[in-house]
């Protein structure tokens, strides 16, 4: 299945439900919030998801393929732009232990792992600033996970 995620990010394939990257990026915010099995495809990792069984797990070859594919790299940046807009427009995630905090960790980690450390840092700075503006909205433990992710220690 991991090769499928390479195709998905390059725009030539679909996820496990037959959804193309373009379909997911066009979803309205409420759908991004209620669906829980797309984030692993937009932002895959080399470790199994604890939230979605059967989600793609990147191999070393997958990571190299995505890092070397200009279209996949552009699509990663498009995906992070979409998620940034989602978090800018949806303040409900600014509550302690919200499931979106795990998504944010995944986004930062995936960007870093897939060759986009600057985008990872930018996204981290964005969510950190939002959290800082709402004291108590994000736990110190979650902030530690974000910090480790942006440093590439995921």
N, C-alpha and C. Protein backbone atom coordinates (compact mmCIF):
# COMPACT_ATOMS: atom_id res chain seq x y z
N UNK A 1 0.82 -1.21 0.00
CA UNK A 1 0.00 0.00 0.00
C UNK A 1 0.85 1.26 0.00
N UNK A 2 2.07 1.19 0.50
CA UNK A 2 2.83 2.43 0.61
C UNK A 2 3.13 3.04 -0.75
N UNK A 3 3.35 2.22 -1.77
CA UNK A 3 3.57 2.79 -3.10
C UNK A 3 2.33 3.56 -3.56
N UNK A 4 1.16 3.15 -3.08
CA UNK A 4 -0.08 3.86 -3.41
C UNK A 4 -0.03 5.30 -2.92
N UNK A 5 0.56 5.54 -1.77
CA UNK A 5 0.61 6.89 -1.23
C UNK A 5 1.55 7.77 -2.06
N UNK A 6 2.57 7.18 -2.65
CA UNK A 6 3.45 7.92 -3.55
C UNK A 6 2.65 8.38 -4.77
N UNK A 7 1.87 7.48 -5.32
CA UNK A 7 1.01 7.83 -6.46
C UNK A 7 -0.03 8.87 -6.06
N UNK A 8 -0.60 8.71 -4.89
CA UNK A 8 -1.59 9.66 -4.40
C UNK A 8 -1.01 11.07 -4.32
N UNK A 9 0.16 11.19 -3.69
CA UNK A 9 0.77 12.52 -3.54
C UNK A 9 1.24 13.10 -4.86
N UNK A 10 1.53 12.24 -5.82
CA UNK A 10 1.94 12.75 -7.14
C UNK A 10 0.72 13.15 -7.97
N UNK A 11 -0.47 12.86 -7.46
CA UNK A 11 -1.69 13.22 -8.17
C UNK A 11 -2.15 12.18 -9.17
N UNK A 12 -1.48 11.04 -9.22
CA UNK A 12 -1.80 10.00 -10.19
C UNK A 12 -2.60 8.85 -9.60
N UNK A 13 -2.85 8.88 -8.30
CA UNK A 13 -3.54 7.76 -7.67
C UNK A 13 -4.60 8.24 -6.70
N UNK A 14 -5.19 7.27 -6.02
CA UNK A 14 -6.23 7.57 -5.05
C UNK A 14 -5.88 6.90 -3.72
N UNK A 15 -6.59 7.33 -2.68
CA UNK A 15 -6.40 6.71 -1.37
C UNK A 15 -7.19 5.41 -1.29
N UNK A 16 -7.25 4.82 -0.13
CA UNK A 16 -7.92 3.54 0.08
C UNK A 16 -9.43 3.59 -0.16
N UNK A 17 -9.99 4.77 -0.24
CA UNK A 17 -11.42 4.94 -0.51
C UNK A 17 -11.70 5.46 -1.92
N UNK A 18 -10.66 5.52 -2.75
CA UNK A 18 -10.84 5.98 -4.12
C UNK A 18 -10.88 7.48 -4.28
N UNK A 19 -10.44 8.22 -3.25
CA UNK A 19 -10.45 9.69 -3.31
C UNK A 19 -9.11 10.19 -3.82
N UNK A 20 -9.17 11.11 -4.74
CA UNK A 20 -7.96 11.74 -5.26
C UNK A 20 -7.56 12.90 -4.34
N UNK A 21 -6.30 13.26 -4.41
CA UNK A 21 -5.79 14.40 -3.64
C UNK A 21 -6.63 15.65 -3.91
N UNK A 22 -6.96 15.89 -5.17
CA UNK A 22 -7.75 17.08 -5.54
C UNK A 22 -9.11 17.08 -4.85
N UNK A 23 -9.71 15.89 -4.73
CA UNK A 23 -11.01 15.79 -4.06
C UNK A 23 -10.89 16.25 -2.61
N UNK A 24 -9.90 15.74 -1.91
CA UNK A 24 -9.74 16.06 -0.49
C UNK A 24 -9.40 17.53 -0.30
N UNK A 25 -8.53 18.07 -1.13
CA UNK A 25 -8.16 19.49 -0.99
C UNK A 25 -9.35 20.41 -1.22
N UNK A 26 -10.35 19.93 -1.95
CA UNK A 26 -11.55 20.75 -2.23
C UNK A 26 -12.63 20.60 -1.16
N UNK A 27 -12.44 19.72 -0.20
CA UNK A 27 -13.46 19.53 0.83
C UNK A 27 -13.68 20.80 1.63
N UNK A 28 -14.92 21.03 2.06
CA UNK A 28 -15.18 22.14 2.98
C UNK A 28 -14.62 21.80 4.37
N UNK A 29 -14.46 22.80 5.19
CA UNK A 29 -13.88 22.62 6.52
C UNK A 29 -14.61 21.56 7.35
N UNK A 30 -15.93 21.56 7.31
CA UNK A 30 -16.66 20.61 8.15
C UNK A 30 -16.33 19.17 7.79
N UNK A 31 -16.07 18.89 6.53
CA UNK A 31 -15.71 17.52 6.14
C UNK A 31 -14.30 17.18 6.61
N UNK A 32 -13.39 18.16 6.53
CA UNK A 32 -12.04 17.93 7.04
C UNK A 32 -12.08 17.61 8.54
N UNK A 33 -13.02 18.21 9.23
CA UNK A 33 -13.12 17.98 10.67
C UNK A 33 -13.70 16.60 10.99
N UNK A 34 -14.73 16.19 10.29
CA UNK A 34 -15.41 14.95 10.68
C UNK A 34 -14.79 13.68 10.11
N UNK A 35 -14.03 13.79 9.04
CA UNK A 35 -13.36 12.61 8.47
C UNK A 35 -12.02 12.43 9.18
N UNK A 36 -11.66 11.19 9.40
CA UNK A 36 -10.44 10.93 10.17
C UNK A 36 -9.43 10.06 9.45
N UNK A 37 -9.68 9.72 8.20
CA UNK A 37 -8.78 8.79 7.51
C UNK A 37 -8.07 9.38 6.30
N UNK A 38 -8.10 10.68 6.15
CA UNK A 38 -7.44 11.31 5.00
C UNK A 38 -6.08 11.89 5.36
N UNK A 39 -5.91 12.29 6.60
CA UNK A 39 -4.69 13.01 6.99
C UNK A 39 -3.46 12.13 6.83
N UNK A 40 -3.63 10.82 7.01
CA UNK A 40 -2.52 9.88 6.85
C UNK A 40 -2.08 9.77 5.39
N UNK A 41 -2.96 10.12 4.48
CA UNK A 41 -2.62 10.11 3.05
C UNK A 41 -2.00 11.44 2.63
N UNK A 42 -2.53 12.54 3.14
CA UNK A 42 -1.94 13.84 2.81
C UNK A 42 -0.56 14.00 3.43
N UNK A 43 -0.40 13.45 4.64
CA UNK A 43 0.84 13.62 5.39
C UNK A 43 1.29 12.27 5.97
N UNK A 44 1.78 11.40 5.10
CA UNK A 44 2.19 10.06 5.57
C UNK A 44 3.46 10.11 6.40
N UNK A 45 3.62 9.06 7.21
CA UNK A 45 4.80 8.92 8.07
C UNK A 45 5.40 7.52 7.91
N UNK A 46 6.57 7.35 8.45
CA UNK A 46 7.24 6.04 8.41
C UNK A 46 6.88 5.18 9.62
N UNK A 47 5.98 5.66 10.45
CA UNK A 47 5.49 4.89 11.59
C UNK A 47 3.99 4.68 11.42
N UNK A 48 3.48 3.55 11.89
CA UNK A 48 2.04 3.28 11.74
C UNK A 48 1.18 4.29 12.50
N UNK A 49 0.03 4.58 11.94
CA UNK A 49 -0.95 5.45 12.60
C UNK A 49 -1.57 4.70 13.77
N UNK A 50 -1.71 5.39 14.88
CA UNK A 50 -2.42 4.80 16.02
C UNK A 50 -3.91 5.07 15.93
N UNK A 51 -4.31 5.94 15.02
CA UNK A 51 -5.71 6.33 14.90
C UNK A 51 -6.44 5.59 13.78
N UNK A 52 -5.74 5.28 12.70
CA UNK A 52 -6.38 4.65 11.55
C UNK A 52 -5.59 3.40 11.16
N UNK A 53 -6.16 2.26 11.48
CA UNK A 53 -5.51 1.00 11.13
C UNK A 53 -5.45 0.87 9.60
N UNK A 54 -4.33 0.39 9.10
CA UNK A 54 -4.18 0.20 7.67
C UNK A 54 -3.78 1.45 6.90
N UNK A 55 -3.55 2.54 7.61
CA UNK A 55 -3.09 3.77 6.93
C UNK A 55 -1.70 3.51 6.36
N UNK A 56 -1.33 4.23 5.30
CA UNK A 56 -0.01 3.99 4.70
C UNK A 56 1.13 4.26 5.68
N UNK A 57 2.16 3.43 5.58
CA UNK A 57 3.38 3.58 6.36
C UNK A 57 4.51 3.66 5.34
N UNK A 58 5.24 4.77 5.36
CA UNK A 58 6.28 5.00 4.37
C UNK A 58 7.50 4.10 4.55
N UNK A 59 7.98 3.59 3.45
CA UNK A 59 9.26 2.89 3.43
C UNK A 59 10.34 3.91 3.07
N UNK A 60 11.58 3.51 3.20
CA UNK A 60 12.69 4.38 2.79
C UNK A 60 12.56 4.73 1.31
N UNK A 61 12.17 3.74 0.50
CA UNK A 61 11.99 3.97 -0.94
C UNK A 61 10.87 4.98 -1.20
N UNK A 62 9.78 4.88 -0.44
CA UNK A 62 8.68 5.84 -0.59
C UNK A 62 9.14 7.25 -0.27
N UNK A 63 9.88 7.38 0.81
CA UNK A 63 10.37 8.70 1.22
C UNK A 63 11.26 9.29 0.13
N UNK A 64 12.16 8.48 -0.39
CA UNK A 64 13.05 8.95 -1.47
C UNK A 64 12.24 9.33 -2.70
N UNK A 65 11.23 8.52 -3.04
CA UNK A 65 10.41 8.81 -4.23
C UNK A 65 9.66 10.13 -4.07
N UNK A 66 9.08 10.35 -2.90
CA UNK A 66 8.31 11.59 -2.66
C UNK A 66 9.25 12.79 -2.63
N UNK A 67 10.38 12.64 -1.97
CA UNK A 67 11.35 13.74 -1.93
C UNK A 67 11.84 14.11 -3.32
N UNK A 68 11.93 13.13 -4.21
CA UNK A 68 12.45 13.38 -5.56
C UNK A 68 11.40 13.72 -6.60
N UNK A 69 10.15 13.77 -6.22
CA UNK A 69 9.05 14.03 -7.15
C UNK A 69 8.57 15.47 -6.97
N UNK A 70 8.86 16.31 -7.93
CA UNK A 70 8.50 17.73 -7.83
C UNK A 70 7.00 17.93 -7.67
N UNK A 71 6.20 17.11 -8.34
CA UNK A 71 4.74 17.24 -8.21
C UNK A 71 4.29 16.85 -6.82
N UNK A 72 4.82 15.77 -6.29
CA UNK A 72 4.46 15.36 -4.92
C UNK A 72 4.87 16.45 -3.93
N UNK A 73 6.01 17.06 -4.13
CA UNK A 73 6.46 18.13 -3.23
C UNK A 73 5.51 19.34 -3.30
N UNK A 74 5.10 19.70 -4.51
CA UNK A 74 4.14 20.80 -4.65
C UNK A 74 2.82 20.45 -3.98
N UNK A 75 2.40 19.19 -4.13
CA UNK A 75 1.14 18.76 -3.53
C UNK A 75 1.20 18.75 -2.01
N UNK A 76 2.35 18.40 -1.46
CA UNK A 76 2.52 18.50 0.00
C UNK A 76 2.32 19.94 0.46
N UNK A 77 2.89 20.87 -0.28
CA UNK A 77 2.76 22.28 0.08
C UNK A 77 1.32 22.77 -0.09
N UNK A 78 0.65 22.26 -1.11
CA UNK A 78 -0.77 22.61 -1.30
C UNK A 78 -1.60 22.06 -0.15
N UNK A 79 -1.27 20.84 0.27
CA UNK A 79 -2.01 20.22 1.38
C UNK A 79 -1.80 21.00 2.68
N UNK A 80 -0.57 21.41 2.93
CA UNK A 80 -0.33 22.17 4.16
C UNK A 80 -1.01 23.54 4.09
N UNK A 81 -1.06 24.14 2.91
CA UNK A 81 -1.79 25.41 2.77
C UNK A 81 -3.28 25.21 3.08
N UNK A 82 -3.84 24.10 2.61
CA UNK A 82 -5.26 23.83 2.88
C UNK A 82 -5.51 23.62 4.37
N UNK A 83 -4.62 22.88 5.01
CA UNK A 83 -4.80 22.63 6.44
C UNK A 83 -4.56 23.91 7.25
N UNK A 84 -3.66 24.74 6.80
CA UNK A 84 -3.44 26.01 7.48
C UNK A 84 -4.71 26.87 7.42
N UNK A 85 -5.33 26.90 6.25
CA UNK A 85 -6.59 27.64 6.10
C UNK A 85 -7.66 27.05 7.03
N UNK A 86 -7.73 25.73 7.07
CA UNK A 86 -8.68 25.06 7.96
C UNK A 86 -8.47 25.49 9.41
N UNK A 87 -7.24 25.47 9.88
CA UNK A 87 -6.96 25.84 11.27
C UNK A 87 -7.11 27.34 11.51
N UNK A 88 -6.92 28.14 10.49
CA UNK A 88 -7.14 29.59 10.64
C UNK A 88 -8.62 29.90 10.78
N UNK A 89 -9.46 29.15 10.09
CA UNK A 89 -10.90 29.40 10.05
C UNK A 89 -11.69 28.62 11.11
N UNK A 90 -11.05 27.66 11.75
CA UNK A 90 -11.77 26.76 12.66
C UNK A 90 -11.14 26.79 14.05
N UNK A 91 -11.49 27.76 14.88
CA UNK A 91 -10.85 27.88 16.19
C UNK A 91 -11.25 26.80 17.19
N UNK A 92 -12.17 25.92 16.84
CA UNK A 92 -12.62 24.89 17.78
C UNK A 92 -11.49 23.95 18.20
N UNK A 93 -10.41 23.87 17.44
CA UNK A 93 -9.29 22.98 17.78
C UNK A 93 -8.47 23.52 18.95
N UNK A 94 -8.71 24.75 19.31
CA UNK A 94 -7.97 25.38 20.39
C UNK A 94 -8.59 25.05 21.74
N UNK A 95 -8.65 23.76 22.04
CA UNK A 95 -9.11 23.25 23.32
C UNK A 95 -8.16 22.12 23.73
N UNK A 96 -7.89 21.97 25.01
CA UNK A 96 -6.94 20.94 25.44
C UNK A 96 -7.35 19.54 24.95
N UNK A 97 -6.35 18.79 24.51
CA UNK A 97 -6.51 17.39 24.10
C UNK A 97 -7.45 17.19 22.91
N UNK A 98 -7.58 18.18 22.06
CA UNK A 98 -8.38 18.07 20.86
C UNK A 98 -7.67 17.14 19.88
N UNK A 99 -8.43 16.31 19.16
CA UNK A 99 -7.83 15.36 18.21
C UNK A 99 -7.02 16.06 17.12
N UNK A 100 -7.31 17.29 16.84
CA UNK A 100 -6.55 18.02 15.83
C UNK A 100 -5.09 18.23 16.24
N UNK A 101 -4.81 18.19 17.52
CA UNK A 101 -3.43 18.36 17.97
C UNK A 101 -2.56 17.22 17.46
N UNK A 102 -3.13 16.00 17.40
CA UNK A 102 -2.40 14.87 16.82
C UNK A 102 -2.20 15.06 15.33
N UNK A 103 -3.20 15.58 14.66
CA UNK A 103 -3.08 15.86 13.22
C UNK A 103 -1.95 16.87 12.98
N UNK A 104 -1.90 17.87 13.81
CA UNK A 104 -0.88 18.91 13.65
C UNK A 104 0.51 18.31 13.83
N UNK A 105 0.68 17.46 14.82
CA UNK A 105 1.97 16.79 15.01
C UNK A 105 2.32 15.99 13.77
N UNK A 106 1.36 15.27 13.21
CA UNK A 106 1.59 14.47 12.01
C UNK A 106 2.00 15.37 10.84
N UNK A 107 1.31 16.47 10.66
CA UNK A 107 1.62 17.37 9.55
C UNK A 107 3.05 17.86 9.66
N UNK A 108 3.43 18.33 10.82
CA UNK A 108 4.79 18.85 11.01
C UNK A 108 5.82 17.75 10.77
N UNK A 109 5.59 16.58 11.35
CA UNK A 109 6.52 15.45 11.21
C UNK A 109 6.66 15.02 9.75
N UNK A 110 5.54 14.89 9.08
CA UNK A 110 5.55 14.43 7.69
C UNK A 110 6.29 15.43 6.79
N UNK A 111 5.99 16.69 6.95
CA UNK A 111 6.68 17.71 6.14
C UNK A 111 8.18 17.63 6.35
N UNK A 112 8.58 17.50 7.58
CA UNK A 112 10.01 17.42 7.89
C UNK A 112 10.62 16.17 7.26
N UNK A 113 9.96 15.04 7.44
CA UNK A 113 10.48 13.77 6.93
C UNK A 113 10.52 13.73 5.40
N UNK A 114 9.59 14.40 4.76
CA UNK A 114 9.49 14.34 3.30
C UNK A 114 10.20 15.48 2.59
N UNK A 115 11.09 16.16 3.30
CA UNK A 115 11.96 17.13 2.64
C UNK A 115 11.46 18.56 2.62
N UNK A 116 10.56 18.89 3.51
CA UNK A 116 10.02 20.25 3.58
C UNK A 116 10.19 20.84 4.99
N UNK A 117 11.44 20.91 5.50
CA UNK A 117 11.63 21.43 6.86
C UNK A 117 11.21 22.88 7.02
N UNK A 118 11.36 23.69 5.99
CA UNK A 118 10.94 25.09 6.09
C UNK A 118 9.41 25.20 6.21
N UNK A 119 8.71 24.38 5.43
CA UNK A 119 7.24 24.36 5.52
C UNK A 119 6.81 23.83 6.89
N UNK A 120 7.54 22.84 7.41
CA UNK A 120 7.24 22.32 8.74
C UNK A 120 7.40 23.42 9.79
N UNK A 121 8.47 24.17 9.70
CA UNK A 121 8.72 25.26 10.65
C UNK A 121 7.66 26.34 10.52
N UNK A 122 7.31 26.70 9.31
CA UNK A 122 6.30 27.72 9.08
C UNK A 122 4.95 27.31 9.67
N UNK A 123 4.57 26.05 9.43
CA UNK A 123 3.30 25.56 9.96
C UNK A 123 3.34 25.51 11.49
N UNK A 124 4.45 25.04 12.03
CA UNK A 124 4.64 25.02 13.48
C UNK A 124 4.50 26.43 14.05
N UNK A 125 5.18 27.40 13.46
CA UNK A 125 5.10 28.78 13.94
C UNK A 125 3.66 29.29 13.91
N UNK A 126 2.94 28.93 12.85
CA UNK A 126 1.54 29.35 12.71
C UNK A 126 0.68 28.77 13.83
N UNK A 127 0.73 27.44 14.04
CA UNK A 127 -0.14 26.84 15.06
C UNK A 127 0.29 27.26 16.47
N UNK A 128 1.58 27.41 16.67
CA UNK A 128 2.08 27.85 17.98
C UNK A 128 1.56 29.26 18.30
N UNK A 129 1.59 30.15 17.31
CA UNK A 129 1.08 31.51 17.52
C UNK A 129 -0.41 31.49 17.83
N UNK A 130 -1.17 30.64 17.13
CA UNK A 130 -2.60 30.53 17.41
C UNK A 130 -2.81 30.02 18.84
N UNK A 131 -2.04 29.01 19.23
CA UNK A 131 -2.17 28.45 20.58
C UNK A 131 -1.72 29.46 21.64
N UNK A 132 -0.66 30.19 21.36
CA UNK A 132 -0.17 31.19 22.31
C UNK A 132 -1.21 32.29 22.56
N UNK A 133 -2.00 32.59 21.53
CA UNK A 133 -3.03 33.62 21.65
C UNK A 133 -4.23 33.16 22.48
N UNK A 134 -4.31 31.85 22.74
CA UNK A 134 -5.39 31.27 23.54
C UNK A 134 -4.78 30.47 24.69
N UNK A 135 -4.31 31.14 25.73
CA UNK A 135 -3.64 30.43 26.83
C UNK A 135 -4.48 29.26 27.36
N UNK A 136 -3.79 28.15 27.58
CA UNK A 136 -4.45 26.95 28.11
C UNK A 136 -5.12 26.09 27.06
N UNK A 137 -5.09 26.52 25.82
CA UNK A 137 -5.80 25.78 24.77
C UNK A 137 -5.05 24.54 24.30
N UNK A 138 -3.74 24.52 24.49
CA UNK A 138 -2.91 23.41 24.05
C UNK A 138 -2.00 23.05 25.22
N UNK A 139 -1.99 21.78 25.59
CA UNK A 139 -1.21 21.35 26.74
C UNK A 139 0.30 21.46 26.47
N UNK A 140 1.06 21.52 27.55
CA UNK A 140 2.51 21.57 27.41
C UNK A 140 3.05 20.29 26.77
N UNK A 141 2.41 19.17 27.04
CA UNK A 141 2.84 17.90 26.43
C UNK A 141 2.67 17.95 24.91
N UNK A 142 1.53 18.46 24.46
CA UNK A 142 1.31 18.60 23.02
C UNK A 142 2.34 19.54 22.41
N UNK A 143 2.61 20.63 23.08
CA UNK A 143 3.62 21.57 22.58
C UNK A 143 4.99 20.91 22.46
N UNK A 144 5.31 20.02 23.39
CA UNK A 144 6.57 19.28 23.31
C UNK A 144 6.61 18.38 22.08
N UNK A 145 5.49 17.72 21.79
CA UNK A 145 5.42 16.89 20.59
C UNK A 145 5.63 17.73 19.33
N UNK A 146 4.99 18.90 19.28
CA UNK A 146 5.15 19.78 18.13
C UNK A 146 6.61 20.21 17.98
N UNK A 147 7.22 20.57 19.10
CA UNK A 147 8.62 21.02 19.07
C UNK A 147 9.54 19.90 18.58
N UNK A 148 9.34 18.69 19.07
CA UNK A 148 10.16 17.56 18.61
C UNK A 148 9.94 17.32 17.12
N UNK A 149 8.70 17.42 16.69
CA UNK A 149 8.39 17.19 15.26
C UNK A 149 9.08 18.21 14.37
N UNK A 150 9.05 19.46 14.75
CA UNK A 150 9.66 20.50 13.92
C UNK A 150 11.18 20.39 13.90
N UNK A 151 11.73 19.76 14.93
CA UNK A 151 13.17 19.52 14.97
C UNK A 151 13.57 18.22 14.26
N UNK A 152 12.57 17.51 13.75
CA UNK A 152 12.85 16.25 13.06
C UNK A 152 13.08 15.09 13.98
N UNK A 153 12.67 15.23 15.24
CA UNK A 153 12.84 14.15 16.24
C UNK A 153 11.49 13.49 16.47
N UNK A 154 10.94 12.93 15.44
CA UNK A 154 9.59 12.34 15.54
C UNK A 154 9.64 10.90 15.77
